[in-house]
């Protein structure tokens, strides 16, 4: 399994909502349009193919970036969850 950052820039509110809901089912939201996806290359390909059917490729953009296993993982600023709350799906580093 590999971790990927999946992010999007969608120009239409209806398509944006569709993509956001689909990603919430498959990945952990880090920010509104940035998600952490944990899966293999085949699973990522399936996710991207599903998202491709929801967007207008002339106006919208969805990207996935692999996170190196030994890469630096850090967060600055406001935490994703209130202090004392832990979410098992979110890696400890985040």
PDB file of N, CA and C in Angstrom:
ATOM      1  N   UNK A   1       0.839  -1.184   0.000  1.00  0.00           N
ATOM      2  CA  UNK A   1       0.000   0.000   0.000  1.00  0.00           C
ATOM      3  C   UNK A   1       0.883   1.246   0.000  1.00  0.00           C
ATOM      4  N   UNK A   2       0.403   2.252  -0.689  1.00  0.00           N
ATOM      5  CA  UNK A   2       1.105   3.520  -0.799  1.00  0.00           C
ATOM      6  C   UNK A   2       0.140   4.639  -0.459  1.00  0.00           C
ATOM      7  N   UNK A   3       0.662   5.712   0.085  1.00  0.00           N
ATOM      8  CA  UNK A   3      -0.163   6.889   0.358  1.00  0.00           C
ATOM      9  C   UNK A   3      -0.026   7.866  -0.802  1.00  0.00           C
ATOM     10  N   UNK A   4      -1.145   8.479  -1.172  1.00  0.00           N
ATOM     11  CA  UNK A   4      -1.191   9.475  -2.226  1.00  0.00           C
ATOM     12  C   UNK A   4      -1.935  10.701  -1.720  1.00  0.00           C
ATOM     13  N   UNK A   5      -1.493  11.856  -2.137  1.00  0.00           N
ATOM     14  CA  UNK A   5      -2.256  13.084  -1.945  1.00  0.00           C
ATOM     15  C   UNK A   5      -3.085  13.261  -3.209  1.00  0.00           C
ATOM     16  N   UNK A   6      -4.388  13.373  -3.048  1.00  0.00           N
ATOM     17  CA  UNK A   6      -5.298  13.612  -4.166  1.00  0.00           C
ATOM     18  C   UNK A   6      -5.926  14.979  -3.937  1.00  0.00           C
ATOM     19  N   UNK A   7      -5.844  15.831  -4.947  1.00  0.00           N
ATOM     20  CA  UNK A   7      -6.403  17.173  -4.810  1.00  0.00           C
ATOM     21  C   UNK A   7      -7.122  17.555  -6.097  1.00  0.00           C
ATOM     22  N   UNK A   8      -7.992  18.541  -5.985  1.00  0.00           N
ATOM     23  CA  UNK A   8      -8.773  18.923  -7.155  1.00  0.00           C
ATOM     24  C   UNK A   8      -9.025  20.420  -7.198  1.00  0.00           C
ATOM     25  N   UNK A   9      -9.328  20.888  -8.403  1.00  0.00           N
ATOM     26  CA  UNK A   9      -9.779  22.254  -8.648  1.00  0.00           C
ATOM     27  C   UNK A   9     -10.944  22.116  -9.635  1.00  0.00           C
ATOM     28  N   UNK A  10     -12.147  22.262  -9.138  1.00  0.00           N
ATOM     29  CA  UNK A  10     -13.356  22.052  -9.928  1.00  0.00           C
ATOM     30  C   UNK A  10     -14.073  23.391 -10.080  1.00  0.00           C
ATOM     31  N   UNK A  11     -14.481  23.730 -11.306  1.00  0.00           N
ATOM     32  CA  UNK A  11     -15.065  25.056 -11.566  1.00  0.00           C
ATOM     33  C   UNK A  11     -16.575  25.120 -11.379  1.00  0.00           C
ATOM     34  N   UNK A  12     -17.254  23.984 -11.361  1.00  0.00           N
ATOM     35  CA  UNK A  12     -18.708  23.967 -11.256  1.00  0.00           C
ATOM     36  C   UNK A  12     -19.125  23.404  -9.901  1.00  0.00           C
ATOM     37  N   UNK A  13     -20.046  24.084  -9.221  1.00  0.00           N
ATOM     38  CA  UNK A  13     -20.451  23.679  -7.869  1.00  0.00           C
ATOM     39  C   UNK A  13     -21.052  22.266  -7.834  1.00  0.00           C
ATOM     40  N   UNK A  14     -21.828  21.907  -8.826  1.00  0.00           N
ATOM     41  CA  UNK A  14     -22.453  20.584  -8.858  1.00  0.00           C
ATOM     42  C   UNK A  14     -21.393  19.486  -9.010  1.00  0.00           C
ATOM     43  N   UNK A  15     -20.459  19.680  -9.937  1.00  0.00           N
ATOM     44  CA  UNK A  15     -19.380  18.698 -10.125  1.00  0.00           C
ATOM     45  C   UNK A  15     -18.471  18.663  -8.897  1.00  0.00           C
ATOM     46  N   UNK A  16     -18.212  19.811  -8.321  1.00  0.00           N
ATOM     47  CA  UNK A  16     -17.363  19.889  -7.134  1.00  0.00           C
ATOM     48  C   UNK A  16     -17.957  19.056  -6.003  1.00  0.00           C
ATOM     49  N   UNK A  17     -19.249  19.207  -5.770  1.00  0.00           N
ATOM     50  CA  UNK A  17     -19.909  18.428  -4.719  1.00  0.00           C
ATOM     51  C   UNK A  17     -19.831  16.940  -4.979  1.00  0.00           C
ATOM     52  N   UNK A  18     -20.034  16.538  -6.232  1.00  0.00           N
ATOM     53  CA  UNK A  18     -19.969  15.131  -6.609  1.00  0.00           C
ATOM     54  C   UNK A  18     -18.571  14.551  -6.343  1.00  0.00           C
ATOM     55  N   UNK A  19     -17.550  15.281  -6.781  1.00  0.00           N
ATOM     56  CA  UNK A  19     -16.169  14.818  -6.593  1.00  0.00           C
ATOM     57  C   UNK A  19     -15.820  14.770  -5.108  1.00  0.00           C
ATOM     58  N   UNK A  20     -16.208  15.796  -4.372  1.00  0.00           N
ATOM     59  CA  UNK A  20     -15.915  15.839  -2.931  1.00  0.00           C
ATOM     60  C   UNK A  20     -16.557  14.649  -2.210  1.00  0.00           C
ATOM     61  N   UNK A  21     -17.825  14.387  -2.481  1.00  0.00           N
ATOM     62  CA  UNK A  21     -18.511  13.260  -1.830  1.00  0.00           C
ATOM     63  C   UNK A  21     -17.860  11.927  -2.199  1.00  0.00           C
ATOM     64  N   UNK A  22     -17.483  11.767  -3.469  1.00  0.00           N
ATOM     65  CA  UNK A  22     -16.836  10.527  -3.899  1.00  0.00           C
ATOM     66  C   UNK A  22     -15.506  10.328  -3.184  1.00  0.00           C
ATOM     67  N   UNK A  23     -14.731  11.392  -3.071  1.00  0.00           N
ATOM     68  CA  UNK A  23     -13.431  11.276  -2.403  1.00  0.00           C
ATOM     69  C   UNK A  23     -13.591  11.035  -0.906  1.00  0.00           C
ATOM     70  N   UNK A  24     -14.605  11.612  -0.284  1.00  0.00           N
ATOM     71  CA  UNK A  24     -14.832  11.379   1.150  1.00  0.00           C
ATOM     72  C   UNK A  24     -15.103   9.904   1.440  1.00  0.00           C
ATOM     73  N   UNK A  25     -15.645   9.182   0.466  1.00  0.00           N
ATOM     74  CA  UNK A  25     -15.913   7.748   0.642  1.00  0.00           C
ATOM     75  C   UNK A  25     -14.651   6.905   0.512  1.00  0.00           C
ATOM     76  N   UNK A  26     -13.650   7.420  -0.197  1.00  0.00           N
ATOM     77  CA  UNK A  26     -12.456   6.625  -0.515  1.00  0.00           C
ATOM     78  C   UNK A  26     -11.178   7.087   0.174  1.00  0.00           C
ATOM     79  N   UNK A  27     -11.163   8.324   0.668  1.00  0.00           N
ATOM     80  CA  UNK A  27      -9.923   8.899   1.196  1.00  0.00           C
ATOM     81  C   UNK A  27     -10.229   9.744   2.438  1.00  0.00           C
ATOM     82  N   UNK A  28      -9.172  10.137   3.121  1.00  0.00           N
ATOM     83  CA  UNK A  28      -9.296  10.956   4.329  1.00  0.00           C
ATOM     84  C   UNK A  28      -9.121  12.424   3.947  1.00  0.00           C
ATOM     85  N   UNK A  29     -10.119  13.275   4.235  1.00  0.00           N
ATOM     86  CA  UNK A  29      -9.954  14.690   3.898  1.00  0.00           C
ATOM     87  C   UNK A  29      -8.932  15.354   4.826  1.00  0.00           C
ATOM     88  N   UNK A  30      -7.967  16.033   4.235  1.00  0.00           N
ATOM     89  CA  UNK A  30      -6.980  16.794   5.008  1.00  0.00           C
ATOM     90  C   UNK A  30      -7.355  18.275   5.008  1.00  0.00           C
ATOM     91  N   UNK A  31      -7.828  18.742   3.867  1.00  0.00           N
ATOM     92  CA  UNK A  31      -8.372  20.081   3.683  1.00  0.00           C
ATOM     93  C   UNK A  31      -9.547  19.917   2.740  1.00  0.00           C
ATOM     94  N   UNK A  32     -10.261  20.987   2.421  1.00  0.00           N
ATOM     95  CA  UNK A  32     -11.471  20.841   1.621  1.00  0.00           C
ATOM     96  C   UNK A  32     -11.203  20.149   0.283  1.00  0.00           C
ATOM     97  N   UNK A  33     -10.145  20.494  -0.400  1.00  0.00           N
ATOM     98  CA  UNK A  33      -9.902  19.891  -1.714  1.00  0.00           C
ATOM     99  C   UNK A  33      -8.631  19.041  -1.739  1.00  0.00           C
ATOM    100  N   UNK A  34      -8.170  18.604  -0.581  1.00  0.00           N
ATOM    101  CA  UNK A  34      -6.948  17.796  -0.474  1.00  0.00           C
ATOM    102  C   UNK A  34      -7.257  16.569   0.383  1.00  0.00           C
ATOM    103  N   UNK A  35      -6.935  15.391  -0.175  1.00  0.00           N
ATOM    104  CA  UNK A  35      -7.260  14.133   0.494  1.00  0.00           C
ATOM    105  C   UNK A  35      -6.042  13.231   0.564  1.00  0.00           C
ATOM    106  N   UNK A  36      -6.029  12.364   1.586  1.00  0.00           N
ATOM    107  CA  UNK A  36      -5.009  11.332   1.732  1.00  0.00           C
ATOM    108  C   UNK A  36      -5.650  10.008   1.331  1.00  0.00           C
ATOM    109  N   UNK A  37      -5.116   9.402   0.274  1.00  0.00           N
ATOM    110  CA  UNK A  37      -5.630   8.123  -0.226  1.00  0.00           C
ATOM    111  C   UNK A  37      -4.592   7.053   0.051  1.00  0.00           C
ATOM    112  N   UNK A  38      -5.010   5.965   0.662  1.00  0.00           N
ATOM    113  CA  UNK A  38      -4.114   4.852   0.983  1.00  0.00           C
ATOM    114  C   UNK A  38      -4.539   3.652   0.144  1.00  0.00           C
ATOM    115  N   UNK A  39      -3.712   3.266  -0.799  1.00  0.00           N
ATOM    116  CA  UNK A  39      -4.039   2.139  -1.665  1.00  0.00           C
ATOM    117  C   UNK A  39      -2.894   1.844  -2.611  1.00  0.00           C
ATOM    118  N   UNK A  40      -3.096   0.849  -3.448  1.00  0.00           N
ATOM    119  CA  UNK A  40      -2.056   0.514  -4.426  1.00  0.00           C
ATOM    120  C   UNK A  40      -2.332   1.240  -5.740  1.00  0.00           C
ATOM    121  N   UNK A  41      -1.451   1.042  -6.708  1.00  0.00           N
ATOM    122  CA  UNK A  41      -1.576   1.741  -7.995  1.00  0.00           C
ATOM    123  C   UNK A  41      -2.885   1.395  -8.712  1.00  0.00           C
ATOM    124  N   UNK A  42      -3.303   0.146  -8.616  1.00  0.00           N
ATOM    125  CA  UNK A  42      -4.553  -0.270  -9.260  1.00  0.00           C
ATOM    126  C   UNK A  42      -5.751   0.438  -8.632  1.00  0.00           C
ATOM    127  N   UNK A  43      -5.768   0.531  -7.308  1.00  0.00           N
ATOM    128  CA  UNK A  43      -6.867   1.210  -6.618  1.00  0.00           C
ATOM    129  C   UNK A  43      -6.889   2.695  -6.956  1.00  0.00           C
ATOM    130  N   UNK A  44      -5.713   3.298  -7.050  1.00  0.00           N
ATOM    131  CA  UNK A  44      -5.637   4.712  -7.430  1.00  0.00           C
ATOM    132  C   UNK A  44      -6.147   4.898  -8.854  1.00  0.00           C
ATOM    133  N   UNK A  45      -5.761   4.002  -9.755  1.00  0.00           N
ATOM    134  CA  UNK A  45      -6.227   4.097 -11.137  1.00  0.00           C
ATOM    135  C   UNK A  45      -7.749   4.001 -11.199  1.00  0.00           C
ATOM    136  N   UNK A  46      -8.329   3.079 -10.441  1.00  0.00           N
ATOM    137  CA  UNK A  46      -9.787   2.940 -10.405  1.00  0.00           C
ATOM    138  C   UNK A  46     -10.452   4.204  -9.866  1.00  0.00           C
ATOM    139  N   UNK A  47      -9.871   4.780  -8.820  1.00  0.00           N
ATOM    140  CA  UNK A  47     -10.413   6.017  -8.258  1.00  0.00           C
ATOM    141  C   UNK A  47     -10.349   7.144  -9.277  1.00  0.00           C
ATOM    142  N   UNK A  48      -9.218   7.299  -9.929  1.00  0.00           N
ATOM    143  CA  UNK A  48      -9.058   8.380 -10.902  1.00  0.00           C
ATOM    144  C   UNK A  48      -9.993   8.185 -12.100  1.00  0.00           C
ATOM    145  N   UNK A  49     -10.207   6.941 -12.522  1.00  0.00           N
ATOM    146  CA  UNK A  49     -11.142   6.683 -13.614  1.00  0.00           C
ATOM    147  C   UNK A  49     -12.565   7.048 -13.210  1.00  0.00           C
ATOM    148  N   UNK A  50     -12.934   6.741 -11.980  1.00  0.00           N
ATOM    149  CA  UNK A  50     -14.271   7.094 -11.493  1.00  0.00           C
ATOM    150  C   UNK A  50     -14.428   8.618 -11.435  1.00  0.00           C
ATOM    151  N   UNK A  51     -13.395   9.310 -10.959  1.00  0.00           N
ATOM    152  CA  UNK A  51     -13.459  10.771 -10.872  1.00  0.00           C
ATOM    153  C   UNK A  51     -13.500  11.403 -12.261  1.00  0.00           C
ATOM    154  N   UNK A  52     -12.836  10.782 -13.229  1.00  0.00           N
ATOM    155  CA  UNK A  52     -12.811  11.312 -14.596  1.00  0.00           C
ATOM    156  C   UNK A  52     -14.208  11.371 -15.196  1.00  0.00           C
ATOM    157  N   UNK A  53     -15.090  10.481 -14.764  1.00  0.00           N
ATOM    158  CA  UNK A  53     -16.462  10.491 -15.282  1.00  0.00           C
ATOM    159  C   UNK A  53     -17.296  11.610 -14.663  1.00  0.00           C
ATOM    160  N   UNK A  54     -16.793  12.231 -13.596  1.00  0.00           N
ATOM    161  CA  UNK A  54     -17.549  13.260 -12.876  1.00  0.00           C
ATOM    162  C   UNK A  54     -17.128  14.678 -13.230  1.00  0.00           C
ATOM    163  N   UNK A  55     -16.014  14.828 -13.946  1.00  0.00           N
ATOM    164  CA  UNK A  55     -15.482  16.173 -14.182  1.00  0.00           C
ATOM    165  C   UNK A  55     -15.550  16.547 -15.660  1.00  0.00           C
ATOM    166  N   UNK A  56     -15.345  17.825 -15.915  1.00  0.00           N
ATOM    167  CA  UNK A  56     -15.181  18.337 -17.279  1.00  0.00           C
ATOM    168  C   UNK A  56     -13.677  18.545 -17.459  1.00  0.00           C
ATOM    169  N   UNK A  57     -13.038  17.688 -18.238  1.00  0.00           N
ATOM    170  CA  UNK A  57     -11.574  17.722 -18.352  1.00  0.00           C
ATOM    171  C   UNK A  57     -11.050  18.997 -19.006  1.00  0.00           C
ATOM    172  N   UNK A  58     -11.923  19.763 -19.645  1.00  0.00           N
ATOM    173  CA  UNK A  58     -11.487  21.037 -20.233  1.00  0.00           C
ATOM    174  C   UNK A  58     -11.417  22.150 -19.188  1.00  0.00           C
ATOM    175  N   UNK A  59     -12.146  21.997 -18.074  1.00  0.00           N
ATOM    176  CA  UNK A  59     -12.233  23.058 -17.074  1.00  0.00           C
ATOM    177  C   UNK A  59     -11.736  22.652 -15.693  1.00  0.00           C
ATOM    178  N   UNK A  60     -11.783  21.363 -15.382  1.00  0.00           N
ATOM    179  CA  UNK A  60     -11.475  20.882 -14.039  1.00  0.00           C
ATOM    180  C   UNK A  60     -10.130  20.170 -14.012  1.00  0.00           C
ATOM    181  N   UNK A  61      -9.619  19.998 -12.807  1.00  0.00           N
ATOM    182  CA  UNK A  61      -8.304  19.376 -12.625  1.00  0.00           C
ATOM    183  C   UNK A  61      -8.334  18.503 -11.379  1.00  0.00           C
ATOM    184  N   UNK A  62      -7.956  17.237 -11.505  1.00  0.00           N
ATOM    185  CA  UNK A  62      -7.799  16.323 -10.372  1.00  0.00           C
ATOM    186  C   UNK A  62      -6.412  15.724 -10.505  1.00  0.00           C
ATOM    187  N   UNK A  63      -5.659  15.762  -9.412  1.00  0.00           N
ATOM    188  CA  UNK A  63      -4.279  15.251  -9.442  1.00  0.00           C
ATOM    189  C   UNK A  63      -4.021  14.338  -8.250  1.00  0.00           C
ATOM    190  N   UNK A  64      -3.109  13.397  -8.449  1.00  0.00           N
ATOM    191  CA  UNK A  64      -2.686  12.498  -7.377  1.00  0.00           C
ATOM    192  C   UNK A  64      -1.162  12.468  -7.340  1.00  0.00           C
ATOM    193  N   UNK A  65      -0.612  12.615  -6.154  1.00  0.00           N
ATOM    194  CA  UNK A  65       0.840  12.613  -5.962  1.00  0.00           C
ATOM    195  C   UNK A  65       1.207  11.543  -4.936  1.00  0.00           C
ATOM    196  N   UNK A  66       2.138  10.644  -5.283  1.00  0.00           N
ATOM    197  CA  UNK A  66       2.561   9.645  -4.295  1.00  0.00           C
ATOM    198  C   UNK A  66       3.392  10.293  -3.194  1.00  0.00           C
ATOM    199  N   UNK A  67       3.207   9.798  -1.993  1.00  0.00           N
ATOM    200  CA  UNK A  67       4.021  10.253  -0.860  1.00  0.00           C
ATOM    201  C   UNK A  67       5.105   9.204  -0.635  1.00  0.00           C
ATOM    202  N   UNK A  68       6.372   9.576  -0.724  1.00  0.00           N
ATOM    203  CA  UNK A  68       7.438   8.591  -0.512  1.00  0.00           C
ATOM    204  C   UNK A  68       7.334   7.969   0.888  1.00  0.00           C
ATOM    205  N   UNK A  69       7.551   6.676   0.968  1.00  0.00           N
ATOM    206  CA  UNK A  69       7.444   5.968   2.246  1.00  0.00           C
ATOM    207  C   UNK A  69       8.374   6.562   3.297  1.00  0.00           C
ATOM    208  N   UNK A  70       9.539   7.022   2.854  1.00  0.00           N
ATOM    209  CA  UNK A  70      10.500   7.593   3.803  1.00  0.00           C
ATOM    210  C   UNK A  70      10.505   9.119   3.740  1.00  0.00           C
ATOM    211  N   UNK A  71       9.528   9.685   3.093  1.00  0.00           N
ATOM    212  CA  UNK A  71       9.476  11.130   2.947  1.00  0.00           C
ATOM    213  C   UNK A  71       9.059  11.839   4.228  1.00  0.00           C
ATOM    214  N   UNK A  72       9.336  13.111   4.292  1.00  0.00           N
ATOM    215  CA  UNK A  72       8.970  13.946   5.432  1.00  0.00           C
ATOM    216  C   UNK A  72       7.466  14.179   5.416  1.00  0.00           C
ATOM    217  N   UNK A  73       6.821  13.943   6.544  1.00  0.00           N
ATOM    218  CA  UNK A  73       5.386  14.181   6.685  1.00  0.00           C
ATOM    219  C   UNK A  73       5.195  15.078   7.900  1.00  0.00           C
ATOM    220  N   UNK A  74       4.714  16.272   7.656  1.00  0.00           N
ATOM    221  CA  UNK A  74       4.545  17.211   8.755  1.00  0.00           C
ATOM    222  C   UNK A  74       3.350  18.104   8.479  1.00  0.00           C
ATOM    223  N   UNK A  75       2.855  18.727   9.526  1.00  0.00           N
ATOM    224  CA  UNK A  75       1.728  19.634   9.413  1.00  0.00           C
ATOM    225  C   UNK A  75       2.035  20.877  10.239  1.00  0.00           C
ATOM    226  N   UNK A  76       1.669  22.015   9.698  1.00  0.00           N
ATOM    227  CA  UNK A  76       1.787  23.277  10.423  1.00  0.00           C
ATOM    228  C   UNK A  76       0.404  23.895  10.510  1.00  0.00           C
ATOM    229  N   UNK A  77       0.127  24.583  11.597  1.00  0.00           N
ATOM    230  CA  UNK A  77      -1.160  25.269  11.701  1.00  0.00           C
ATOM    231  C   UNK A  77      -2.211  24.458  12.440  1.00  0.00           C
ATOM    232  N   UNK A  78      -3.444  24.835  12.205  1.00  0.00           N
ATOM    233  CA  UNK A  78      -4.591  24.252  12.892  1.00  0.00           C
ATOM    234  C   UNK A  78      -4.686  22.748  12.623  1.00  0.00           C
ATOM    235  N   UNK A  79      -4.849  21.941  13.689  1.00  0.00           N
ATOM    236  CA  UNK A  79      -4.969  20.495  13.491  1.00  0.00           C
ATOM    237  C   UNK A  79      -6.288  20.134  12.801  1.00  0.00           C
ATOM    238  N   UNK A  80      -6.302  18.967  12.163  1.00  0.00           N
ATOM    239  CA  UNK A  80      -7.493  18.503  11.472  1.00  0.00           C
ATOM    240  C   UNK A  80      -8.632  18.199  12.443  1.00  0.00           C
ATOM    241  N   UNK A  81      -8.292  17.774  13.657  1.00  0.00           N
ATOM    242  CA  UNK A  81      -9.285  17.432  14.676  1.00  0.00           C
ATOM    243  C   UNK A  81      -8.966  18.161  15.975  1.00  0.00           C
ATOM    244  N   UNK A  82      -9.970  18.380  16.842  1.00  0.00           N
ATOM    245  CA  UNK A  82      -9.697  19.010  18.135  1.00  0.00           C
ATOM    246  C   UNK A  82      -8.722  18.185  18.965  1.00  0.00           C
ATOM    247  N   UNK A  83      -7.997  18.850  19.855  1.00  0.00           N
ATOM    248  CA  UNK A  83      -7.011  18.153  20.683  1.00  0.00           C
ATOM    249  C   UNK A  83      -7.702  17.077  21.522  1.00  0.00           C
ATOM    250  N   UNK A  84      -7.067  15.928  21.621  1.00  0.00           N
ATOM    251  CA  UNK A  84      -7.608  14.820  22.384  1.00  0.00           C
ATOM    252  C   UNK A  84      -8.479  13.878  21.565  1.00  0.00           C
ATOM    253  N   UNK A  85      -8.838  14.282  20.351  1.00  0.00           N
ATOM    254  CA  UNK A  85      -9.646  13.440  19.471  1.00  0.00           C
ATOM    255  C   UNK A  85      -8.709  12.757  18.481  1.00  0.00           C
ATOM    256  N   UNK A  86      -8.808  11.445  18.380  1.00  0.00           N
ATOM    257  CA  UNK A  86      -7.982  10.709  17.429  1.00  0.00           C
ATOM    258  C   UNK A  86      -8.887   9.963  16.470  1.00  0.00           C
ATOM    259  N   UNK A  87      -8.499   9.953  15.217  1.00  0.00           N
ATOM    260  CA  UNK A  87      -9.256   9.268  14.172  1.00  0.00           C
ATOM    261  C   UNK A  87      -8.375   8.154  13.645  1.00  0.00           C
ATOM    262  N   UNK A  88      -8.796   6.923  13.791  1.00  0.00           N
ATOM    263  CA  UNK A  88      -7.987   5.765  13.429  1.00  0.00           C
ATOM    264  C   UNK A  88      -7.581   5.720  11.969  1.00  0.00           C
ATOM    265  N   UNK A  89      -8.365   6.330  11.078  1.00  0.00           N
ATOM    266  CA  UNK A  89      -8.040   6.302   9.653  1.00  0.00           C
ATOM    267  C   UNK A  89      -6.952   7.302   9.288  1.00  0.00           C
ATOM    268  N   UNK A  90      -6.695   8.263  10.152  1.00  0.00           N
ATOM    269  CA  UNK A  90      -5.706   9.296   9.868  1.00  0.00           C
ATOM    270  C   UNK A  90      -4.368   8.873  10.465  1.00  0.00           C
ATOM    271  N   UNK A  91      -3.313   8.814   9.641  1.00  0.00           N
ATOM    272  CA  UNK A  91      -2.003   8.408  10.176  1.00  0.00           C
ATOM    273  C   UNK A  91      -1.547   9.331  11.306  1.00  0.00           C
ATOM    274  N   UNK A  92      -0.808   8.771  12.255  1.00  0.00           N
ATOM    275  CA  UNK A  92      -0.358   9.508  13.429  1.00  0.00           C
ATOM    276  C   UNK A  92       0.397  10.775  13.053  1.00  0.00           C
ATOM    277  N   UNK A  93       1.218  10.715  11.990  1.00  0.00           N
ATOM    278  CA  UNK A  93       2.021  11.860  11.586  1.00  0.00           C
ATOM    279  C   UNK A  93       1.153  13.065  11.241  1.00  0.00           C
ATOM    280  N   UNK A  94      -0.061  12.849  10.775  1.00  0.00           N
ATOM    281  CA  UNK A  94      -0.921  13.934  10.322  1.00  0.00           C
ATOM    282  C   UNK A  94      -1.661  14.519  11.493  1.00  0.00           C
TER     283      UNK A  94
END
